[in-house]
Amino acid sequence: MKQINKLEQELGVALFTRTSTGVTLTPAGKGFKGYAEQIVNLVNQALVAAISIAASAR
């Protein structure tokens, strides 16, 4: 949770609404989530490409 709090501080927006029964995404959190998912997918694609290139160079 410390990393989420730090991210929220850096962004200057709340990504989650915290209640005694749990957490939900704020509108800003929902928008951020879409971009974060795209970033994770791109990183995974880059890793696969790098491994593939390295394997074919052997």
PDB file of N, CA and C in Angstrom:
ATOM      1  N   MET A   1       0.812  -1.190   0.000  1.00  0.00           N
ATOM      2  CA  MET A   1       0.000   0.000   0.000  1.00  0.00           C
ATOM      3  C   MET A   1       0.861   1.262   0.000  1.00  0.00           C
ATOM      4  N   LYS A   2       2.060   1.178   0.546  1.00  0.00           N
ATOM      5  CA  LYS A   2       2.925   2.345   0.587  1.00  0.00           C
ATOM      6  C   LYS A   2       3.240   2.844  -0.820  1.00  0.00           C
ATOM      7  N   GLN A   3       3.430   1.913  -1.755  1.00  0.00           N
ATOM      8  CA  GLN A   3       3.740   2.309  -3.127  1.00  0.00           C
ATOM      9  C   GLN A   3       2.556   3.008  -3.781  1.00  0.00           C
ATOM     10  N   ILE A   4       1.350   2.538  -3.508  1.00  0.00           N
ATOM     11  CA  ILE A   4       0.147   3.170  -4.057  1.00  0.00           C
ATOM     12  C   ILE A   4       0.018   4.583  -3.495  1.00  0.00           C
ATOM     13  N   ASN A   5       0.211   4.732  -2.192  1.00  0.00           N
ATOM     14  CA  ASN A   5       0.133   6.057  -1.566  1.00  0.00           C
ATOM     15  C   ASN A   5       1.178   6.997  -2.160  1.00  0.00           C
ATOM     16  N   LYS A   6       2.384   6.490  -2.376  1.00  0.00           N
ATOM     17  CA  LYS A   6       3.448   7.303  -2.959  1.00  0.00           C
ATOM     18  C   LYS A   6       3.077   7.714  -4.379  1.00  0.00           C
ATOM     19  N   LEU A   7       2.526   6.794  -5.153  1.00  0.00           N
ATOM     20  CA  LEU A   7       2.105   7.101  -6.516  1.00  0.00           C
ATOM     21  C   LEU A   7       1.019   8.175  -6.504  1.00  0.00           C
ATOM     22  N   GLU A   8       0.047   8.025  -5.621  1.00  0.00           N
ATOM     23  CA  GLU A   8      -1.022   9.025  -5.516  1.00  0.00           C
ATOM     24  C   GLU A   8      -0.453  10.399  -5.158  1.00  0.00           C
ATOM     25  N   GLN A   9       0.528  10.435  -4.283  1.00  0.00           N
ATOM     26  CA  GLN A   9       1.152  11.703  -3.915  1.00  0.00           C
ATOM     27  C   GLN A   9       1.879  12.311  -5.102  1.00  0.00           C
ATOM     28  N   GLU A  10       2.595  11.476  -5.849  1.00  0.00           N
ATOM     29  CA  GLU A  10       3.332  11.969  -7.016  1.00  0.00           C
ATOM     30  C   GLU A  10       2.376  12.506  -8.082  1.00  0.00           C
ATOM     31  N   LEU A  11       1.253  11.822  -8.278  1.00  0.00           N
ATOM     32  CA  LEU A  11       0.276  12.236  -9.288  1.00  0.00           C
ATOM     33  C   LEU A  11      -0.576  13.402  -8.820  1.00  0.00           C
ATOM     34  N   GLY A  12      -0.736  13.521  -7.513  1.00  0.00           N
ATOM     35  CA  GLY A  12      -1.581  14.567  -6.957  1.00  0.00           C
ATOM     36  C   GLY A  12      -3.067  14.254  -7.066  1.00  0.00           C
ATOM     37  N   VAL A  13      -3.400  12.977  -7.241  1.00  0.00           N
ATOM     38  CA  VAL A  13      -4.797  12.546  -7.322  1.00  0.00           C
ATOM     39  C   VAL A  13      -4.975  11.243  -6.553  1.00  0.00           C
ATOM     40  N   ALA A  14      -6.174  11.018  -6.079  1.00  0.00           N
ATOM     41  CA  ALA A  14      -6.505   9.745  -5.426  1.00  0.00           C
ATOM     42  C   ALA A  14      -6.895   8.744  -6.505  1.00  0.00           C
ATOM     43  N   LEU A  15      -6.306   7.575  -6.460  1.00  0.00           N
ATOM     44  CA  LEU A  15      -6.635   6.518  -7.410  1.00  0.00           C
ATOM     45  C   LEU A  15      -7.675   5.569  -6.835  1.00  0.00           C
ATOM     46  N   PHE A  16      -7.774   5.542  -5.510  1.00  0.00           N
ATOM     47  CA  PHE A  16      -8.696   4.652  -4.823  1.00  0.00           C
ATOM     48  C   PHE A  16      -9.519   5.422  -3.799  1.00  0.00           C
ATOM     49  N   THR A  17     -10.749   4.978  -3.597  1.00  0.00           N
ATOM     50  CA  THR A  17     -11.568   5.427  -2.482  1.00  0.00           C
ATOM     51  C   THR A  17     -11.484   4.326  -1.441  1.00  0.00           C
ATOM     52  N   ARG A  18     -11.023   4.688  -0.271  1.00  0.00           N
ATOM     53  CA  ARG A  18     -10.842   3.710   0.801  1.00  0.00           C
ATOM     54  C   ARG A  18     -11.967   3.858   1.819  1.00  0.00           C
ATOM     55  N   THR A  19     -12.602   2.731   2.121  1.00  0.00           N
ATOM     56  CA  THR A  19     -13.646   2.723   3.152  1.00  0.00           C
ATOM     57  C   THR A  19     -13.352   1.587   4.114  1.00  0.00           C
ATOM     58  N   SER A  20     -14.159   1.477   5.148  1.00  0.00           N
ATOM     59  CA  SER A  20     -13.962   0.400   6.122  1.00  0.00           C
ATOM     60  C   SER A  20     -14.284  -0.967   5.523  1.00  0.00           C
ATOM     61  N   THR A  21     -15.010  -0.973   4.407  1.00  0.00           N
ATOM     62  CA  THR A  21     -15.379  -2.253   3.788  1.00  0.00           C
ATOM     63  C   THR A  21     -14.507  -2.625   2.593  1.00  0.00           C
ATOM     64  N   GLY A  22     -13.594  -1.741   2.198  1.00  0.00           N
ATOM     65  CA  GLY A  22     -12.712  -2.075   1.084  1.00  0.00           C
ATOM     66  C   GLY A  22     -12.266  -0.854   0.309  1.00  0.00           C
ATOM     67  N   VAL A  23     -11.798  -1.094  -0.901  1.00  0.00           N
ATOM     68  CA  VAL A  23     -11.336  -0.015  -1.770  1.00  0.00           C
ATOM     69  C   VAL A  23     -11.988  -0.143  -3.140  1.00  0.00           C
ATOM     70  N   THR A  24     -12.203   0.995  -3.780  1.00  0.00           N
ATOM     71  CA  THR A  24     -12.699   1.021  -5.151  1.00  0.00           C
ATOM     72  C   THR A  24     -11.896   2.062  -5.920  1.00  0.00           C
ATOM     73  N   LEU A  25     -11.856   1.909  -7.222  1.00  0.00           N
ATOM     74  CA  LEU A  25     -11.156   2.871  -8.057  1.00  0.00           C
ATOM     75  C   LEU A  25     -11.958   4.164  -8.180  1.00  0.00           C
ATOM     76  N   THR A  26     -11.251   5.272  -8.133  1.00  0.00           N
ATOM     77  CA  THR A  26     -11.868   6.566  -8.425  1.00  0.00           C
ATOM     78  C   THR A  26     -11.926   6.703  -9.947  1.00  0.00           C
ATOM     79  N   PRO A  27     -12.619   7.701 -10.467  1.00  0.00           N
ATOM     80  CA  PRO A  27     -12.582   7.915 -11.922  1.00  0.00           C
ATOM     81  C   PRO A  27     -11.146   8.075 -12.443  1.00  0.00           C
ATOM     82  N   ALA A  28     -10.312   8.797 -11.693  1.00  0.00           N
ATOM     83  CA  ALA A  28      -8.909   8.942 -12.089  1.00  0.00           C
ATOM     84  C   ALA A  28      -8.204   7.593 -12.057  1.00  0.00           C
ATOM     85  N   GLY A  29      -8.524   6.774 -11.071  1.00  0.00           N
ATOM     86  CA  GLY A  29      -7.934   5.441 -10.966  1.00  0.00           C
ATOM     87  C   GLY A  29      -8.333   4.548 -12.122  1.00  0.00           C
ATOM     88  N   LYS A  30      -9.579   4.652 -12.543  1.00  0.00           N
ATOM     89  CA  LYS A  30     -10.043   3.859 -13.683  1.00  0.00           C
ATOM     90  C   LYS A  30      -9.309   4.263 -14.953  1.00  0.00           C
ATOM     91  N   GLY A  31      -9.132   5.556 -15.142  1.00  0.00           N
ATOM     92  CA  GLY A  31      -8.392   6.022 -16.317  1.00  0.00           C
ATOM     93  C   GLY A  31      -6.934   5.604 -16.264  1.00  0.00           C
ATOM     94  N   PHE A  32      -6.325   5.733 -15.101  1.00  0.00           N
ATOM     95  CA  PHE A  32      -4.918   5.361 -14.933  1.00  0.00           C
ATOM     96  C   PHE A  32      -4.715   3.871 -15.162  1.00  0.00           C
ATOM     97  N   LYS A  33      -5.657   3.070 -14.708  1.00  0.00           N
ATOM     98  CA  LYS A  33      -5.563   1.609 -14.833  1.00  0.00           C
ATOM     99  C   LYS A  33      -5.419   1.191 -16.294  1.00  0.00           C
ATOM    100  N   GLY A  34      -6.183   1.817 -17.172  1.00  0.00           N
ATOM    101  CA  GLY A  34      -6.097   1.479 -18.588  1.00  0.00           C
ATOM    102  C   GLY A  34      -4.705   1.704 -19.150  1.00  0.00           C
ATOM    103  N   TYR A  35      -4.104   2.834 -18.799  1.00  0.00           N
ATOM    104  CA  TYR A  35      -2.746   3.114 -19.265  1.00  0.00           C
ATOM    105  C   TYR A  35      -1.733   2.172 -18.623  1.00  0.00           C
ATOM    106  N   ALA A  36      -1.899   1.888 -17.351  1.00  0.00           N
ATOM    107  CA  ALA A  36      -0.981   0.977 -16.658  1.00  0.00           C
ATOM    108  C   ALA A  36      -1.022  -0.409 -17.293  1.00  0.00           C
ATOM    109  N   GLU A  37      -2.209  -0.872 -17.661  1.00  0.00           N
ATOM    110  CA  GLU A  37      -2.325  -2.181 -18.315  1.00  0.00           C
ATOM    111  C   GLU A  37      -1.613  -2.172 -19.665  1.00  0.00           C
ATOM    112  N   GLN A  38      -1.737  -1.079 -20.412  1.00  0.00           N
ATOM    113  CA  GLN A  38      -1.049  -0.977 -21.699  1.00  0.00           C
ATOM    114  C   GLN A  38       0.464  -1.013 -21.508  1.00  0.00           C
ATOM    115  N   ILE A  39       0.957  -0.320 -20.483  1.00  0.00           N
ATOM    116  CA  ILE A  39       2.396  -0.300 -20.205  1.00  0.00           C
ATOM    117  C   ILE A  39       2.897  -1.698 -19.872  1.00  0.00           C
ATOM    118  N   VAL A  40       2.168  -2.407 -19.021  1.00  0.00           N
ATOM    119  CA  VAL A  40       2.569  -3.765 -18.645  1.00  0.00           C
ATOM    120  C   VAL A  40       2.595  -4.667 -19.877  1.00  0.00           C
ATOM    121  N   ASN A  41       1.596  -4.547 -20.735  1.00  0.00           N
ATOM    122  CA  ASN A  41       1.563  -5.354 -21.956  1.00  0.00           C
ATOM    123  C   ASN A  41       2.736  -5.033 -22.867  1.00  0.00           C
ATOM    124  N   LEU A  42       3.068  -3.762 -23.012  1.00  0.00           N
ATOM    125  CA  LEU A  42       4.205  -3.374 -23.853  1.00  0.00           C
ATOM    126  C   LEU A  42       5.527  -3.885 -23.288  1.00  0.00           C
ATOM    127  N   VAL A  43       5.685  -3.813 -21.988  1.00  0.00           N
ATOM    128  CA  VAL A  43       6.908  -4.328 -21.362  1.00  0.00           C
ATOM    129  C   VAL A  43       7.021  -5.830 -21.607  1.00  0.00           C
ATOM    130  N   ASN A  44       5.918  -6.551 -21.458  1.00  0.00           N
ATOM    131  CA  ASN A  44       5.940  -7.992 -21.713  1.00  0.00           C
ATOM    132  C   ASN A  44       6.288  -8.285 -23.163  1.00  0.00           C
ATOM    133  N   GLN A  45       5.742  -7.521 -24.100  1.00  0.00           N
ATOM    134  CA  GLN A  45       6.060  -7.711 -25.511  1.00  0.00           C
ATOM    135  C   GLN A  45       7.533  -7.424 -25.787  1.00  0.00           C
ATOM    136  N   ALA A  46       8.066  -6.392 -25.152  1.00  0.00           N
ATOM    137  CA  ALA A  46       9.476  -6.049 -25.327  1.00  0.00           C
ATOM    138  C   ALA A  46      10.378  -7.156 -24.793  1.00  0.00           C
ATOM    139  N   LEU A  47      10.008  -7.749 -23.657  1.00  0.00           N
ATOM    140  CA  LEU A  47      10.793  -8.852 -23.101  1.00  0.00           C
ATOM    141  C   LEU A  47      10.795 -10.049 -24.036  1.00  0.00           C
ATOM    142  N   VAL A  48       9.641 -10.401 -24.560  1.00  0.00           N
ATOM    143  CA  VAL A  48       9.532 -11.526 -25.484  1.00  0.00           C
ATOM    144  C   VAL A  48      10.378 -11.246 -26.734  1.00  0.00           C
ATOM    145  N   ALA A  49      10.301 -10.035 -27.243  1.00  0.00           N
ATOM    146  CA  ALA A  49      11.072  -9.678 -28.444  1.00  0.00           C
ATOM    147  C   ALA A  49      12.562  -9.758 -28.162  1.00  0.00           C
ATOM    148  N   ALA A  50      13.003  -9.240 -27.037  1.00  0.00           N
ATOM    149  CA  ALA A  50      14.431  -9.271 -26.692  1.00  0.00           C
ATOM    150  C   ALA A  50      14.938 -10.698 -26.554  1.00  0.00           C
ATOM    151  N   ILE A  51      14.156 -11.543 -25.915  1.00  0.00           N
ATOM    152  CA  ILE A  51      14.554 -12.948 -25.749  1.00  0.00           C
ATOM    153  C   ILE A  51      14.609 -13.637 -27.115  1.00  0.00           C
ATOM    154  N   SER A  52      13.653 -13.360 -27.956  1.00  0.00           N
ATOM    155  CA  SER A  52      13.610 -13.949 -29.291  1.00  0.00           C
ATOM    156  C   SER A  52      14.795 -13.505 -30.132  1.00  0.00           C
ATOM    157  N   ILE A  53      15.111 -12.230 -30.081  1.00  0.00           N
ATOM    158  CA  ILE A  53      16.262 -11.704 -30.835  1.00  0.00           C
ATOM    159  C   ILE A  53      17.553 -12.294 -30.339  1.00  0.00           C
ATOM    160  N   ALA A  54      17.704 -12.378 -29.027  1.00  0.00           N
ATOM    161  CA  ALA A  54      18.925 -12.950 -28.443  1.00  0.00           C
ATOM    162  C   ALA A  54      19.063 -14.418 -28.831  1.00  0.00           C
ATOM    163  N   ALA A  55      17.954 -15.156 -28.848  1.00  0.00           N
ATOM    164  CA  ALA A  55      18.008 -16.581 -29.190  1.00  0.00           C
ATOM    165  C   ALA A  55      18.371 -16.773 -30.659  1.00  0.00           C
ATOM    166  N   SER A  56      17.878 -15.906 -31.534  1.00  0.00           N
ATOM    167  CA  SER A  56      18.172 -16.065 -32.958  1.00  0.00           C
ATOM    168  C   SER A  56      19.578 -15.601 -33.311  1.00  0.00           C
ATOM    169  N   ALA A  57      20.213 -14.838 -32.425  1.00  0.00           N
ATOM    170  CA  ALA A  57      21.570 -14.348 -32.677  1.00  0.00           C
ATOM    171  C   ALA A  57      22.640 -15.369 -32.284  1.00  0.00           C
ATOM    172  N   ARG A  58      22.212 -16.455 -31.680  1.00  0.00           N
ATOM    173  CA  ARG A  58      23.185 -17.458 -31.214  1.00  0.00           C
ATOM    174  C   ARG A  58      23.609 -18.375 -32.323  1.00  0.00           C
TER     175      ARG A  58
END
